[in-house]
């Protein structure tokens, strides 16, 4: 594969990873707040 294509695939994978991590963090904080563990 060309270096540019490899870099593009890596960028897409990194972006998907950030989206998944953000969604998991949001769901985790929401579940914590709904269960009463969060003090805010």
N, C-alpha and C. Protein backbone atom coordinates (compact mmCIF):
# COMPACT_ATOMS: atom_id res chain seq x y z
N UNK A 1 0.85 -1.21 0.00
CA UNK A 1 0.00 0.00 0.00
C UNK A 1 0.88 1.25 0.00
N UNK A 2 0.32 2.31 -0.55
CA UNK A 2 1.06 3.57 -0.56
C UNK A 2 1.06 4.18 0.84
N UNK A 3 2.11 4.93 1.17
CA UNK A 3 2.18 5.56 2.50
C UNK A 3 0.97 6.45 2.79
N UNK A 4 0.48 7.16 1.76
CA UNK A 4 -0.68 8.03 1.98
C UNK A 4 -1.91 7.21 2.32
N UNK A 5 -2.10 6.09 1.63
CA UNK A 5 -3.27 5.25 1.91
C UNK A 5 -3.17 4.68 3.32
N UNK A 6 -1.97 4.25 3.70
CA UNK A 6 -1.79 3.71 5.05
C UNK A 6 -2.08 4.77 6.10
N UNK A 7 -1.60 5.99 5.87
CA UNK A 7 -1.85 7.08 6.82
C UNK A 7 -3.34 7.38 6.90
N UNK A 8 -4.03 7.33 5.77
CA UNK A 8 -5.47 7.60 5.77
C UNK A 8 -6.23 6.56 6.56
N UNK A 9 -5.84 5.29 6.38
CA UNK A 9 -6.51 4.22 7.14
C UNK A 9 -6.24 4.38 8.63
N UNK A 10 -5.01 4.73 8.98
CA UNK A 10 -4.68 4.92 10.40
C UNK A 10 -5.49 6.07 10.99
N UNK A 11 -5.64 7.17 10.23
CA UNK A 11 -6.40 8.31 10.73
C UNK A 11 -7.86 7.93 10.95
N UNK A 12 -8.42 7.15 10.01
CA UNK A 12 -9.82 6.72 10.16
C UNK A 12 -9.97 5.84 11.39
N UNK A 13 -9.03 4.91 11.59
CA UNK A 13 -9.11 4.03 12.76
C UNK A 13 -8.99 4.82 14.04
N UNK A 14 -8.09 5.82 14.07
CA UNK A 14 -7.92 6.65 15.27
C UNK A 14 -9.19 7.44 15.55
N UNK A 15 -9.80 7.99 14.48
CA UNK A 15 -11.03 8.77 14.67
C UNK A 15 -12.16 7.88 15.20
N UNK A 16 -12.29 6.67 14.65
CA UNK A 16 -13.32 5.75 15.13
C UNK A 16 -13.06 5.39 16.59
N UNK A 17 -11.79 5.19 16.93
CA UNK A 17 -11.44 4.86 18.31
C UNK A 17 -11.84 5.98 19.25
N UNK A 18 -11.59 7.24 18.84
CA UNK A 18 -11.96 8.37 19.69
C UNK A 18 -13.47 8.46 19.84
N UNK A 19 -14.20 8.20 18.76
CA UNK A 19 -15.66 8.26 18.83
C UNK A 19 -16.19 7.19 19.78
N UNK A 20 -15.66 5.98 19.66
CA UNK A 20 -16.11 4.89 20.53
C UNK A 20 -15.76 5.20 21.99
N UNK A 21 -14.54 5.72 22.22
CA UNK A 21 -14.13 6.04 23.59
C UNK A 21 -15.02 7.13 24.16
N UNK A 22 -15.36 8.13 23.36
CA UNK A 22 -16.23 9.21 23.83
C UNK A 22 -17.63 8.69 24.16
N UNK A 23 -18.15 7.81 23.31
CA UNK A 23 -19.48 7.26 23.57
C UNK A 23 -19.48 6.41 24.84
N UNK A 24 -18.44 5.59 25.01
CA UNK A 24 -18.35 4.76 26.21
C UNK A 24 -18.23 5.62 27.46
N UNK A 25 -17.42 6.70 27.39
CA UNK A 25 -17.25 7.58 28.54
C UNK A 25 -18.56 8.28 28.88
N UNK A 26 -19.29 8.71 27.86
CA UNK A 26 -20.58 9.39 28.09
C UNK A 26 -21.58 8.42 28.73
N UNK A 27 -21.68 7.20 28.18
CA UNK A 27 -22.61 6.22 28.75
C UNK A 27 -22.21 5.86 30.17
N UNK A 28 -20.90 5.75 30.41
CA UNK A 28 -20.42 5.40 31.75
C UNK A 28 -20.77 6.49 32.75
N UNK A 29 -20.54 7.76 32.39
CA UNK A 29 -20.85 8.86 33.31
C UNK A 29 -22.36 8.97 33.53
N UNK A 30 -23.14 8.73 32.47
CA UNK A 30 -24.60 8.79 32.63
C UNK A 30 -25.08 7.69 33.56
N UNK A 31 -24.54 6.50 33.42
CA UNK A 31 -24.96 5.39 34.29
C UNK A 31 -24.53 5.66 35.73
N UNK A 32 -23.37 6.28 35.91
CA UNK A 32 -22.92 6.62 37.26
C UNK A 32 -23.86 7.64 37.89
N UNK A 33 -24.23 8.66 37.13
CA UNK A 33 -25.12 9.70 37.66
C UNK A 33 -26.50 9.12 37.98
N UNK A 34 -27.01 8.26 37.12
CA UNK A 34 -28.35 7.71 37.34
C UNK A 34 -28.36 6.76 38.52
N UNK A 35 -27.22 6.11 38.80
CA UNK A 35 -27.16 5.18 39.93
C UNK A 35 -26.83 5.91 41.22
N UNK A 36 -26.46 7.19 41.14
CA UNK A 36 -26.23 7.98 42.35
C UNK A 36 -24.80 7.94 42.85
N UNK A 37 -23.85 7.43 42.04
CA UNK A 37 -22.46 7.39 42.50
C UNK A 37 -21.78 8.75 42.36
N UNK A 38 -22.23 9.57 41.40
CA UNK A 38 -21.60 10.87 41.17
C UNK A 38 -22.11 11.87 42.21
N UNK A 39 -21.23 12.75 42.67
CA UNK A 39 -21.61 13.74 43.68
C UNK A 39 -22.12 15.03 43.05
N UNK A 40 -22.01 15.18 41.72
CA UNK A 40 -22.46 16.40 41.07
C UNK A 40 -23.89 16.24 40.59
